[in-house]
N, C-alpha and C. Protein backbone atom coordinates (compact mmCIF):
# COMPACT_ATOMS: atom_id res chain seq x y z
N UNK A 1 11.39 20.52 88.28
CA UNK A 1 12.68 20.35 87.81
C UNK A 1 12.84 19.15 87.17
N UNK A 2 14.14 19.00 86.59
CA UNK A 2 14.12 17.66 86.05
C UNK A 2 14.29 16.89 87.17
N UNK A 3 13.69 17.27 86.47
CA UNK A 3 13.51 16.41 87.46
C UNK A 3 13.05 17.30 88.44
N UNK A 4 10.96 17.24 89.74
CA UNK A 4 9.98 17.99 90.38
C UNK A 4 10.13 17.99 91.70
N UNK A 5 12.80 17.24 93.24
CA UNK A 5 12.31 17.41 94.57
C UNK A 5 13.47 17.34 95.57
N UNK A 6 13.69 18.10 96.75
CA UNK A 6 14.74 17.71 97.64
C UNK A 6 15.30 18.69 98.62
N UNK A 7 16.19 19.57 98.29
CA UNK A 7 16.86 20.41 99.28
C UNK A 7 15.95 21.51 99.76
N UNK A 8 16.17 21.98 100.96
CA UNK A 8 15.32 23.03 101.52
C UNK A 8 15.60 24.35 100.85
N UNK A 9 14.56 25.24 100.87
CA UNK A 9 14.76 26.58 100.35
C UNK A 9 14.35 26.77 98.93
N UNK A 10 13.82 25.77 98.29
CA UNK A 10 13.40 25.93 96.89
C UNK A 10 12.25 25.02 96.62
N UNK A 11 11.37 25.45 95.71
CA UNK A 11 10.21 24.62 95.38
C UNK A 11 10.56 23.59 94.34
N UNK A 12 11.76 23.62 93.84
CA UNK A 12 12.12 22.66 92.82
C UNK A 12 13.54 22.17 93.00
N UNK A 13 13.89 21.72 94.22
CA UNK A 13 15.26 21.32 94.47
C UNK A 13 15.35 19.83 94.64
N UNK A 14 16.53 19.27 94.30
CA UNK A 14 16.71 17.85 94.52
C UNK A 14 18.17 17.55 94.66
N UNK A 15 18.49 16.60 95.57
CA UNK A 15 19.89 16.26 95.78
C UNK A 15 20.12 14.76 95.72
N UNK A 16 19.06 14.02 95.39
CA UNK A 16 19.21 12.57 95.42
C UNK A 16 18.70 11.96 94.12
N UNK A 17 18.94 10.67 93.97
CA UNK A 17 18.51 9.96 92.77
C UNK A 17 17.01 9.91 92.70
N UNK A 18 16.45 10.11 91.50
CA UNK A 18 15.01 10.10 91.30
C UNK A 18 14.50 8.71 91.10
N UNK A 19 15.30 7.80 90.58
CA UNK A 19 14.83 6.46 90.30
C UNK A 19 15.72 5.47 91.01
N UNK A 20 15.15 4.71 91.95
CA UNK A 20 15.95 3.89 92.83
C UNK A 20 16.63 2.74 92.10
N UNK A 21 16.13 2.31 90.97
CA UNK A 21 16.72 1.14 90.35
C UNK A 21 17.87 1.49 89.41
N UNK A 22 18.16 2.77 89.23
CA UNK A 22 19.29 3.17 88.42
C UNK A 22 20.47 3.35 89.35
N UNK A 23 21.56 2.63 89.13
CA UNK A 23 22.69 2.69 90.04
C UNK A 23 23.64 3.80 89.66
N UNK A 24 24.53 4.14 90.57
CA UNK A 24 25.52 5.16 90.27
C UNK A 24 25.50 6.24 91.32
N UNK A 25 26.50 7.05 91.36
CA UNK A 25 26.58 8.10 92.38
C UNK A 25 25.57 9.18 92.16
N UNK A 26 25.06 9.74 93.23
CA UNK A 26 24.13 10.85 93.10
C UNK A 26 24.91 12.13 92.89
N UNK A 27 24.26 13.10 92.27
CA UNK A 27 24.92 14.37 91.98
C UNK A 27 24.16 15.48 92.64
N UNK A 28 24.74 16.23 93.55
CA UNK A 28 24.02 17.33 94.20
C UNK A 28 23.57 18.33 93.16
N UNK A 29 22.36 18.82 93.35
CA UNK A 29 21.80 19.79 92.43
C UNK A 29 21.42 21.03 93.21
N UNK A 30 21.46 22.18 92.60
CA UNK A 30 21.09 23.43 93.26
C UNK A 30 19.70 23.33 93.83
N UNK A 31 19.44 24.14 94.85
CA UNK A 31 18.13 24.15 95.48
C UNK A 31 17.03 24.48 94.52
N UNK A 32 17.33 25.02 93.37
CA UNK A 32 16.30 25.43 92.43
C UNK A 32 16.26 24.50 91.22
N UNK A 33 16.82 23.33 91.37
CA UNK A 33 16.95 22.47 90.20
C UNK A 33 15.71 21.72 89.85
N UNK A 34 14.76 21.43 90.73
CA UNK A 34 13.56 20.71 90.37
C UNK A 34 13.70 19.26 90.70
N UNK A 35 13.65 18.34 89.72
CA UNK A 35 13.80 16.92 89.96
C UNK A 35 15.26 16.54 90.10
N UNK A 36 15.55 15.63 90.99
CA UNK A 36 16.89 15.09 91.06
C UNK A 36 16.93 13.89 90.15
N UNK A 37 18.08 13.64 89.55
CA UNK A 37 18.20 12.51 88.66
C UNK A 37 19.43 11.70 89.01
N UNK A 38 19.33 10.38 88.96
CA UNK A 38 20.49 9.54 89.22
C UNK A 38 21.45 9.58 88.05
N UNK A 39 22.71 9.21 88.32
CA UNK A 39 23.65 9.13 87.22
C UNK A 39 23.16 8.09 86.24
N UNK A 40 23.37 8.33 84.97
CA UNK A 40 22.89 7.40 83.96
C UNK A 40 23.88 7.36 82.83
N UNK A 41 23.74 6.34 81.95
CA UNK A 41 24.61 6.24 80.80
C UNK A 41 24.34 7.39 79.85
N UNK A 42 25.38 8.00 79.31
CA UNK A 42 25.18 9.12 78.38
C UNK A 42 24.38 8.69 77.17
N UNK A 43 23.52 9.57 76.72
CA UNK A 43 22.76 9.31 75.52
C UNK A 43 23.56 9.77 74.32
N UNK A 44 23.29 9.18 73.19
CA UNK A 44 24.06 9.51 72.00
C UNK A 44 23.44 10.64 71.21
N UNK A 45 22.21 10.97 71.51
CA UNK A 45 21.56 12.05 70.77
C UNK A 45 20.85 12.96 71.72
N UNK A 46 20.74 14.20 71.36
CA UNK A 46 20.06 15.19 72.19
C UNK A 46 18.91 15.77 71.40
N UNK A 47 17.75 15.82 72.02
CA UNK A 47 16.59 16.39 71.34
C UNK A 47 16.67 17.90 71.45
N UNK A 48 16.61 18.58 70.35
CA UNK A 48 16.72 20.02 70.35
C UNK A 48 15.46 20.65 70.92
N UNK A 49 15.61 21.75 71.65
CA UNK A 49 14.44 22.42 72.24
C UNK A 49 13.55 23.01 71.17
N UNK A 50 12.27 23.10 71.48
CA UNK A 50 11.34 23.74 70.59
C UNK A 50 10.33 24.49 71.41
N UNK A 51 9.64 25.40 70.80
CA UNK A 51 8.71 26.25 71.54
C UNK A 51 7.32 25.67 71.52
N UNK A 52 6.47 26.18 72.42
CA UNK A 52 5.08 25.73 72.48
C UNK A 52 4.37 26.04 71.19
N UNK A 53 4.81 27.09 70.50
CA UNK A 53 4.14 27.47 69.26
C UNK A 53 4.34 26.44 68.17
N UNK A 54 5.39 25.60 68.31
CA UNK A 54 5.65 24.59 67.30
C UNK A 54 4.76 23.37 67.45
N UNK A 55 4.07 23.26 68.58
CA UNK A 55 3.26 22.08 68.84
C UNK A 55 1.87 22.19 68.24
N UNK A 56 1.34 21.09 67.79
CA UNK A 56 -0.03 21.08 67.29
C UNK A 56 -1.00 21.12 68.43
N UNK A 57 -2.21 21.56 68.17
CA UNK A 57 -3.25 21.60 69.19
C UNK A 57 -4.01 20.29 69.10
N UNK A 58 -3.40 19.22 69.60
CA UNK A 58 -3.99 17.90 69.47
C UNK A 58 -4.04 17.22 70.82
N UNK A 59 -5.19 16.65 71.17
CA UNK A 59 -5.27 15.92 72.44
C UNK A 59 -4.52 14.61 72.34
N UNK A 60 -4.07 14.09 73.49
CA UNK A 60 -3.42 12.79 73.50
C UNK A 60 -4.47 11.70 73.28
N UNK A 61 -4.08 10.58 72.67
CA UNK A 61 -5.02 9.47 72.50
C UNK A 61 -5.51 8.99 73.84
N UNK A 62 -6.79 8.69 73.94
CA UNK A 62 -7.34 8.25 75.22
C UNK A 62 -6.66 6.99 75.72
N UNK A 63 -6.15 6.14 74.81
CA UNK A 63 -5.51 4.91 75.22
C UNK A 63 -4.24 5.14 76.02
N UNK A 64 -3.66 6.35 75.93
CA UNK A 64 -2.43 6.65 76.63
C UNK A 64 -2.67 7.31 77.98
N UNK A 65 -3.91 7.54 78.32
CA UNK A 65 -4.21 8.29 79.53
C UNK A 65 -4.32 7.37 80.74
N UNK A 66 -4.12 7.96 81.90
CA UNK A 66 -4.26 7.24 83.16
C UNK A 66 -5.10 8.09 84.09
N UNK A 67 -6.30 8.42 83.64
CA UNK A 67 -7.14 9.35 84.36
C UNK A 67 -7.51 8.80 85.72
N UNK A 68 -7.30 9.60 86.75
CA UNK A 68 -7.60 9.15 88.11
C UNK A 68 -8.73 9.93 88.73
N UNK A 69 -9.25 10.91 88.04
CA UNK A 69 -10.36 11.70 88.57
C UNK A 69 -11.63 11.31 87.83
N UNK A 70 -12.48 10.51 88.48
CA UNK A 70 -13.68 10.02 87.82
C UNK A 70 -14.68 11.12 87.54
N UNK A 71 -14.48 12.29 88.17
CA UNK A 71 -15.41 13.38 87.93
C UNK A 71 -14.90 14.35 86.87
N UNK A 72 -13.79 14.03 86.23
CA UNK A 72 -13.23 14.93 85.22
C UNK A 72 -14.24 15.09 84.10
N UNK A 73 -14.45 16.31 83.60
CA UNK A 73 -15.42 16.53 82.55
C UNK A 73 -14.98 15.93 81.23
N UNK A 74 -15.92 15.76 80.33
CA UNK A 74 -15.61 15.23 79.01
C UNK A 74 -14.69 16.22 78.29
N UNK A 75 -13.92 15.70 77.32
CA UNK A 75 -12.99 16.54 76.59
C UNK A 75 -13.72 17.71 75.94
N UNK A 76 -13.10 18.88 76.00
CA UNK A 76 -13.68 20.10 75.45
C UNK A 76 -12.80 20.58 74.31
N UNK A 77 -13.41 20.93 73.20
CA UNK A 77 -12.65 21.48 72.08
C UNK A 77 -12.44 22.96 72.35
N UNK A 78 -11.18 23.37 72.35
CA UNK A 78 -10.86 24.77 72.64
C UNK A 78 -9.82 25.25 71.65
N UNK A 79 -9.82 26.54 71.42
CA UNK A 79 -8.90 27.13 70.46
C UNK A 79 -7.54 27.41 71.08
N UNK A 80 -7.46 27.45 72.41
CA UNK A 80 -6.20 27.73 73.08
C UNK A 80 -6.23 27.09 74.46
N UNK A 81 -5.04 26.93 75.03
CA UNK A 81 -4.95 26.38 76.38
C UNK A 81 -5.62 27.31 77.37
N UNK A 82 -5.47 28.60 77.17
CA UNK A 82 -6.12 29.58 78.05
C UNK A 82 -7.63 29.39 78.04
N UNK A 83 -8.19 29.17 76.87
CA UNK A 83 -9.64 28.96 76.76
C UNK A 83 -10.04 27.67 77.45
N UNK A 84 -9.23 26.62 77.29
CA UNK A 84 -9.54 25.33 77.91
C UNK A 84 -9.50 25.44 79.43
N UNK A 85 -8.53 26.19 79.95
CA UNK A 85 -8.45 26.41 81.40
C UNK A 85 -9.70 27.12 81.90
N UNK A 86 -10.13 28.14 81.16
CA UNK A 86 -11.31 28.92 81.56
C UNK A 86 -12.57 28.06 81.56
N UNK A 87 -12.61 27.02 80.75
CA UNK A 87 -13.80 26.18 80.65
C UNK A 87 -13.85 25.07 81.70
N UNK A 88 -12.77 24.91 82.47
CA UNK A 88 -12.78 23.88 83.50
C UNK A 88 -13.68 24.31 84.67
N UNK A 89 -14.40 23.37 85.26
CA UNK A 89 -15.29 23.72 86.37
C UNK A 89 -14.51 24.15 87.61
N UNK A 90 -14.97 25.19 88.26
CA UNK A 90 -14.35 25.64 89.51
C UNK A 90 -14.87 24.77 90.64
N UNK A 91 -13.98 24.06 91.31
CA UNK A 91 -14.40 23.18 92.38
C UNK A 91 -13.26 22.91 93.33
N UNK A 92 -13.60 22.65 94.58
CA UNK A 92 -12.61 22.24 95.57
C UNK A 92 -12.80 20.77 95.94
N UNK A 93 -13.75 20.13 95.27
CA UNK A 93 -14.05 18.73 95.54
C UNK A 93 -13.13 17.86 94.70
N UNK A 94 -11.93 17.61 95.19
CA UNK A 94 -10.93 16.86 94.45
C UNK A 94 -10.58 15.56 95.17
N UNK A 95 -10.21 14.55 94.41
CA UNK A 95 -9.69 13.33 95.00
C UNK A 95 -8.31 13.62 95.58
N UNK A 96 -7.82 12.75 96.44
CA UNK A 96 -6.50 12.93 96.99
C UNK A 96 -5.43 12.97 95.91
N UNK A 97 -5.58 12.12 94.90
CA UNK A 97 -4.61 12.08 93.81
C UNK A 97 -4.57 13.40 93.05
N UNK A 98 -5.73 13.97 92.80
CA UNK A 98 -5.77 15.23 92.06
C UNK A 98 -5.24 16.38 92.91
N UNK A 99 -5.42 16.30 94.22
CA UNK A 99 -4.84 17.33 95.09
C UNK A 99 -3.32 17.29 95.02
N UNK A 100 -2.77 16.08 94.95
CA UNK A 100 -1.31 15.96 94.84
C UNK A 100 -0.83 16.53 93.51
N UNK A 101 -1.52 16.22 92.44
CA UNK A 101 -1.12 16.71 91.12
C UNK A 101 -1.24 18.23 91.05
N UNK A 102 -2.37 18.75 91.51
CA UNK A 102 -2.56 20.21 91.50
C UNK A 102 -1.57 20.90 92.43
N UNK A 103 -1.27 20.27 93.57
CA UNK A 103 -0.32 20.85 94.51
C UNK A 103 1.07 20.97 93.91
N UNK A 104 1.49 19.94 93.19
CA UNK A 104 2.81 19.99 92.56
C UNK A 104 2.87 21.09 91.51
N UNK A 105 1.82 21.21 90.72
CA UNK A 105 1.77 22.28 89.71
C UNK A 105 1.82 23.64 90.40
N UNK A 106 1.07 23.78 91.46
CA UNK A 106 1.00 25.05 92.18
C UNK A 106 2.35 25.43 92.79
N UNK A 107 2.94 24.52 93.54
CA UNK A 107 4.18 24.87 94.24
C UNK A 107 5.39 24.90 93.32
N UNK A 108 5.40 24.12 92.27
CA UNK A 108 6.55 24.10 91.37
C UNK A 108 6.49 25.17 90.28
N UNK A 109 5.28 25.53 89.83
CA UNK A 109 5.22 26.35 88.62
C UNK A 109 4.11 27.40 88.61
N UNK A 110 3.62 27.79 89.76
CA UNK A 110 2.50 28.73 89.77
C UNK A 110 2.83 30.06 89.12
N UNK A 111 4.12 30.43 89.07
CA UNK A 111 4.50 31.69 88.44
C UNK A 111 4.86 31.53 86.96
N UNK A 112 4.77 30.30 86.46
CA UNK A 112 5.08 30.03 85.06
C UNK A 112 3.85 30.22 84.19
N UNK A 113 4.05 30.14 82.89
CA UNK A 113 2.93 30.25 81.95
C UNK A 113 2.03 29.02 82.08
N UNK A 114 0.88 29.06 81.42
CA UNK A 114 -0.02 27.90 81.44
C UNK A 114 0.68 26.69 80.85
N UNK A 115 1.43 26.89 79.76
CA UNK A 115 2.16 25.78 79.14
C UNK A 115 3.20 25.20 80.09
N UNK A 116 3.86 26.08 80.84
CA UNK A 116 4.86 25.62 81.79
C UNK A 116 4.26 24.83 82.93
N UNK A 117 3.12 25.25 83.42
CA UNK A 117 2.44 24.53 84.48
C UNK A 117 1.91 23.19 83.99
N UNK A 118 1.37 23.19 82.78
CA UNK A 118 0.88 21.93 82.22
C UNK A 118 2.02 20.94 82.06
N UNK A 119 3.18 21.42 81.62
CA UNK A 119 4.34 20.55 81.43
C UNK A 119 4.76 19.88 82.73
N UNK A 120 4.74 20.62 83.83
CA UNK A 120 5.08 20.05 85.13
C UNK A 120 4.09 18.95 85.49
N UNK A 121 2.82 19.20 85.26
CA UNK A 121 1.82 18.18 85.53
C UNK A 121 2.02 16.93 84.70
N UNK A 122 2.37 17.10 83.44
CA UNK A 122 2.55 15.95 82.56
C UNK A 122 3.82 15.16 82.93
N UNK A 123 4.83 15.83 83.50
CA UNK A 123 6.02 15.11 83.97
C UNK A 123 5.62 14.14 85.08
N UNK A 124 4.80 14.61 86.01
CA UNK A 124 4.36 13.74 87.10
C UNK A 124 3.59 12.55 86.54
N UNK A 125 2.71 12.81 85.60
CA UNK A 125 1.91 11.73 85.00
C UNK A 125 2.82 10.76 84.26
N UNK A 126 3.80 11.27 83.52
CA UNK A 126 4.72 10.39 82.80
C UNK A 126 5.50 9.50 83.76
N UNK A 127 5.84 10.05 84.91
CA UNK A 127 6.56 9.25 85.90
C UNK A 127 5.71 8.08 86.39
N UNK A 128 4.42 8.32 86.60
CA UNK A 128 3.57 7.23 87.10
C UNK A 128 3.48 6.08 86.11
N UNK A 129 3.74 6.34 84.85
CA UNK A 129 3.62 5.32 83.81
C UNK A 129 4.97 4.72 83.40
N UNK A 130 6.05 5.27 83.93
CA UNK A 130 7.37 4.87 83.47
C UNK A 130 7.87 3.54 84.02
N UNK A 131 7.34 3.11 85.16
CA UNK A 131 7.85 1.91 85.80
C UNK A 131 9.10 2.17 86.63
N UNK A 132 9.58 3.40 86.61
CA UNK A 132 10.78 3.76 87.35
C UNK A 132 10.47 4.55 88.61
N UNK A 133 9.23 4.96 88.75
CA UNK A 133 8.79 5.79 89.86
C UNK A 133 7.48 5.23 90.40
N UNK A 134 6.99 5.74 91.52
CA UNK A 134 5.70 5.29 92.04
C UNK A 134 4.60 5.42 90.99
N UNK A 135 3.58 4.59 91.10
CA UNK A 135 2.54 4.54 90.08
C UNK A 135 1.35 5.46 90.36
N UNK A 136 1.43 6.26 91.39
CA UNK A 136 0.35 7.20 91.70
C UNK A 136 0.90 8.61 91.76
N UNK A 137 0.03 9.59 91.56
CA UNK A 137 0.46 10.99 91.63
C UNK A 137 1.03 11.32 93.00
N UNK A 138 0.32 10.92 94.04
CA UNK A 138 0.80 11.22 95.40
C UNK A 138 2.11 10.50 95.68
N UNK A 139 2.26 9.29 95.15
CA UNK A 139 3.50 8.55 95.33
C UNK A 139 4.68 9.27 94.69
N UNK A 140 4.46 9.81 93.48
CA UNK A 140 5.52 10.55 92.78
C UNK A 140 5.85 11.83 93.53
N UNK A 141 4.83 12.57 93.92
CA UNK A 141 5.03 13.87 94.55
C UNK A 141 5.69 13.74 95.91
N UNK A 142 5.32 12.73 96.67
CA UNK A 142 5.86 12.57 98.03
C UNK A 142 7.06 11.64 98.09
N UNK A 143 7.55 11.18 96.95
CA UNK A 143 8.74 10.33 96.95
C UNK A 143 9.89 11.06 97.66
N UNK A 144 10.57 10.40 98.55
CA UNK A 144 11.64 11.06 99.30
C UNK A 144 12.68 11.74 98.41
N UNK A 145 13.12 12.89 98.85
CA UNK A 145 14.19 13.64 98.20
C UNK A 145 13.84 14.10 96.79
N UNK A 146 12.58 14.39 96.57
CA UNK A 146 12.16 14.85 95.26
C UNK A 146 11.67 16.29 95.31
N UNK A 147 10.47 16.52 95.77
CA UNK A 147 9.95 17.89 95.84
C UNK A 147 10.27 18.52 97.19
N UNK A 148 10.93 19.66 97.16
CA UNK A 148 11.32 20.30 98.41
C UNK A 148 10.16 20.90 99.17
N UNK A 149 9.02 21.13 98.48
CA UNK A 149 7.88 21.71 99.19
C UNK A 149 7.17 20.66 100.03
N UNK A 150 7.50 19.40 99.87
CA UNK A 150 6.89 18.32 100.65
C UNK A 150 7.70 18.13 101.92
N UNK A 151 7.02 18.15 103.04
CA UNK A 151 7.68 17.96 104.33
C UNK A 151 6.96 16.85 105.10
N UNK A 152 7.67 15.76 105.33
CA UNK A 152 7.06 14.66 106.04
C UNK A 152 5.88 14.07 105.30
N UNK A 153 6.00 13.95 103.99
CA UNK A 153 4.94 13.39 103.12
C UNK A 153 3.69 14.24 103.09
N UNK A 154 3.81 15.51 103.47
CA UNK A 154 2.65 16.40 103.45
C UNK A 154 3.02 17.71 102.74
N UNK A 155 2.03 18.27 102.05
CA UNK A 155 2.23 19.54 101.38
C UNK A 155 1.80 20.68 102.28
N UNK A 156 2.37 21.86 102.09
CA UNK A 156 1.93 23.02 102.88
C UNK A 156 0.47 23.34 102.59
N UNK A 157 -0.13 24.09 103.48
CA UNK A 157 -1.53 24.49 103.27
C UNK A 157 -1.61 25.48 102.12
N UNK A 158 -2.75 25.48 101.46
CA UNK A 158 -2.97 26.35 100.30
C UNK A 158 -4.31 27.06 100.47
N UNK A 159 -4.37 28.30 100.03
CA UNK A 159 -5.64 29.02 99.99
C UNK A 159 -6.42 28.51 98.78
N UNK A 160 -7.37 27.64 99.01
CA UNK A 160 -8.10 27.02 97.91
C UNK A 160 -9.03 27.98 97.19
N UNK A 161 -9.18 29.18 97.71
CA UNK A 161 -10.00 30.18 97.04
C UNK A 161 -9.16 31.09 96.13
N UNK A 162 -7.86 30.95 96.19
CA UNK A 162 -7.00 31.83 95.41
C UNK A 162 -7.08 31.50 93.92
N UNK A 163 -6.83 32.51 93.13
CA UNK A 163 -6.87 32.35 91.67
C UNK A 163 -5.78 31.38 91.20
N UNK A 164 -4.61 31.46 91.81
CA UNK A 164 -3.51 30.59 91.40
C UNK A 164 -3.83 29.12 91.68
N UNK A 165 -4.47 28.84 92.82
CA UNK A 165 -4.83 27.46 93.12
C UNK A 165 -5.90 26.97 92.16
N UNK A 166 -6.90 27.77 91.88
CA UNK A 166 -7.95 27.36 90.96
C UNK A 166 -7.37 27.09 89.57
N UNK A 167 -6.38 27.89 89.18
CA UNK A 167 -5.74 27.66 87.88
C UNK A 167 -4.94 26.36 87.89
N UNK A 168 -4.26 26.09 89.01
CA UNK A 168 -3.50 24.85 89.13
C UNK A 168 -4.42 23.64 89.07
N UNK A 169 -5.59 23.75 89.69
CA UNK A 169 -6.57 22.67 89.65
C UNK A 169 -7.05 22.45 88.22
N UNK A 170 -7.35 23.53 87.51
CA UNK A 170 -7.80 23.42 86.13
C UNK A 170 -6.74 22.74 85.28
N UNK A 171 -5.49 23.12 85.45
CA UNK A 171 -4.41 22.52 84.67
C UNK A 171 -4.16 21.07 85.07
N UNK A 172 -4.38 20.74 86.34
CA UNK A 172 -4.26 19.35 86.77
C UNK A 172 -5.32 18.50 86.08
N UNK A 173 -6.52 19.02 85.96
CA UNK A 173 -7.58 18.28 85.27
C UNK A 173 -7.23 18.08 83.80
N UNK A 174 -6.71 19.11 83.18
CA UNK A 174 -6.35 19.02 81.76
C UNK A 174 -5.20 18.04 81.57
N UNK A 175 -4.20 18.11 82.45
CA UNK A 175 -3.07 17.19 82.37
C UNK A 175 -3.53 15.75 82.59
N UNK A 176 -4.38 15.54 83.58
CA UNK A 176 -4.89 14.21 83.92
C UNK A 176 -5.70 13.62 82.77
N UNK A 177 -6.51 14.45 82.14
CA UNK A 177 -7.35 13.98 81.03
C UNK A 177 -6.59 13.91 79.72
N UNK A 178 -5.43 14.54 79.66
CA UNK A 178 -4.67 14.55 78.41
C UNK A 178 -5.38 15.30 77.31
N UNK A 179 -6.12 16.34 77.69
CA UNK A 179 -6.93 17.07 76.72
C UNK A 179 -6.19 18.19 76.02
N UNK A 180 -4.88 18.37 76.33
CA UNK A 180 -4.08 19.36 75.60
C UNK A 180 -2.65 18.85 75.52
N UNK A 181 -2.06 18.93 74.35
CA UNK A 181 -0.70 18.44 74.14
C UNK A 181 0.32 19.36 74.79
N UNK A 182 1.19 18.79 75.62
CA UNK A 182 2.24 19.57 76.25
C UNK A 182 3.47 19.62 75.35
N UNK A 183 4.13 20.78 75.27
CA UNK A 183 5.37 20.87 74.49
C UNK A 183 6.48 19.97 75.05
N UNK A 184 6.34 19.57 76.31
CA UNK A 184 7.36 18.73 76.95
C UNK A 184 6.86 17.30 77.12
N UNK A 185 5.95 16.86 76.29
CA UNK A 185 5.37 15.53 76.44
C UNK A 185 6.45 14.45 76.44
N UNK A 186 6.34 13.53 77.40
CA UNK A 186 7.29 12.44 77.51
C UNK A 186 8.46 12.71 78.44
N UNK A 187 8.61 13.97 78.89
CA UNK A 187 9.71 14.30 79.79
C UNK A 187 9.49 13.68 81.17
N UNK A 188 10.58 13.23 81.78
CA UNK A 188 10.53 12.66 83.13
C UNK A 188 11.26 13.54 84.14
N UNK A 189 12.02 14.51 83.66
CA UNK A 189 12.84 15.34 84.54
C UNK A 189 12.78 16.79 84.08
N UNK A 190 13.04 17.70 85.01
CA UNK A 190 13.22 19.10 84.63
C UNK A 190 14.05 19.81 85.69
N UNK A 191 14.64 20.92 85.32
CA UNK A 191 15.36 21.73 86.29
C UNK A 191 15.25 23.19 85.88
N UNK A 192 15.56 24.06 86.83
CA UNK A 192 15.53 25.49 86.56
C UNK A 192 16.62 25.84 85.55
N UNK A 193 16.30 26.71 84.63
CA UNK A 193 17.23 27.05 83.56
C UNK A 193 18.49 27.72 84.07
N UNK A 194 18.43 28.36 85.22
CA UNK A 194 19.60 29.09 85.72
C UNK A 194 20.59 28.22 86.47
N UNK A 195 20.32 26.94 86.60
CA UNK A 195 21.28 26.04 87.24
C UNK A 195 21.77 25.01 86.22
N UNK A 196 22.88 24.36 86.56
CA UNK A 196 23.46 23.36 85.66
C UNK A 196 23.74 22.08 86.43
N UNK A 197 22.74 21.23 86.59
CA UNK A 197 22.95 19.97 87.32
C UNK A 197 23.94 19.08 86.58
N UNK A 198 24.69 18.29 87.32
CA UNK A 198 25.71 17.45 86.72
C UNK A 198 25.19 16.41 85.77
N UNK A 199 23.91 16.03 85.92
CA UNK A 199 23.37 14.96 85.07
C UNK A 199 22.79 15.46 83.77
N UNK A 200 22.78 16.76 83.54
CA UNK A 200 22.04 17.29 82.40
C UNK A 200 22.56 16.77 81.06
N UNK A 201 23.84 16.43 80.97
CA UNK A 201 24.38 15.98 79.70
C UNK A 201 24.11 14.50 79.43
N UNK A 202 23.55 13.80 80.40
CA UNK A 202 23.29 12.37 80.22
C UNK A 202 21.86 12.09 79.82
N UNK A 203 21.06 13.15 79.62
CA UNK A 203 19.66 12.95 79.29
C UNK A 203 19.30 13.73 78.04
N UNK A 204 18.29 13.25 77.34
CA UNK A 204 17.87 13.90 76.11
C UNK A 204 16.99 15.10 76.42
N UNK A 205 17.45 16.25 76.02
CA UNK A 205 16.68 17.47 76.25
C UNK A 205 15.46 17.48 75.35
N UNK A 206 14.31 17.82 75.93
CA UNK A 206 13.07 17.88 75.18
C UNK A 206 12.80 19.32 74.75
N UNK A 207 12.76 20.23 75.71
CA UNK A 207 12.48 21.63 75.41
C UNK A 207 12.69 22.48 76.64
N UNK A 208 12.69 23.77 76.46
CA UNK A 208 12.66 24.71 77.58
C UNK A 208 11.35 25.48 77.51
N UNK A 209 10.68 25.58 78.65
CA UNK A 209 9.44 26.35 78.75
C UNK A 209 9.63 27.32 79.91
N UNK A 210 9.57 28.59 79.63
CA UNK A 210 9.78 29.60 80.66
C UNK A 210 11.13 29.37 81.33
N UNK A 211 11.13 29.13 82.63
CA UNK A 211 12.38 29.00 83.39
C UNK A 211 12.72 27.56 83.73
N UNK A 212 12.12 26.59 83.04
CA UNK A 212 12.42 25.19 83.28
C UNK A 212 12.87 24.50 81.99
N UNK A 213 13.84 23.61 82.10
CA UNK A 213 14.29 22.80 80.98
C UNK A 213 13.88 21.36 81.26
N UNK A 214 13.28 20.72 80.26
CA UNK A 214 12.72 19.38 80.42
C UNK A 214 13.53 18.34 79.65
N UNK A 215 13.67 17.15 80.25
CA UNK A 215 14.45 16.07 79.68
C UNK A 215 13.70 14.75 79.76
N UNK A 216 14.07 13.84 78.85
CA UNK A 216 13.59 12.46 78.96
C UNK A 216 14.60 11.67 79.80
């Protein structure tokens, strides 16, 4: 969600401020909203949504990456995101940070398209670089009142042999390496399209992918 944590009963709910240094009243968000966002000054411009088809197939510059998986494979040239996912190595040998990233993708967007899952992963990565949130994947994912699937700083158990988990791991690797451009690049928040959080008008909309709307 926009914003990726909080109320029980949803994998993308949030009821509290996402960034502690932004002051203002918190706004309750539906259990399906995703990331919670603090009140903020209204923006003067809104970025119009665009589709994944409008994006170029270009990797992010390596200088912008914050790769935390030293075993991540070298960048692979692929004709589509689906092909790139298929080329990722199948493995359960992940660092703790990559488990957090893959877990968030899995629990927040496992039923979404590949582009939608990648976008969720890139939101977490963008947060680690923003200076407004924890600087590690696990720190972002387990930040209080953010992801509702996190209970007591721990994620639920996952069948690591399942196809959905393996796909989430592949997308986590791609997101971590920045080897595929996300249509929602730069977004820090998202929420389910069927809800209307009170803060949505104070942030610049980036795009909608499947059932999530992403904002800066």
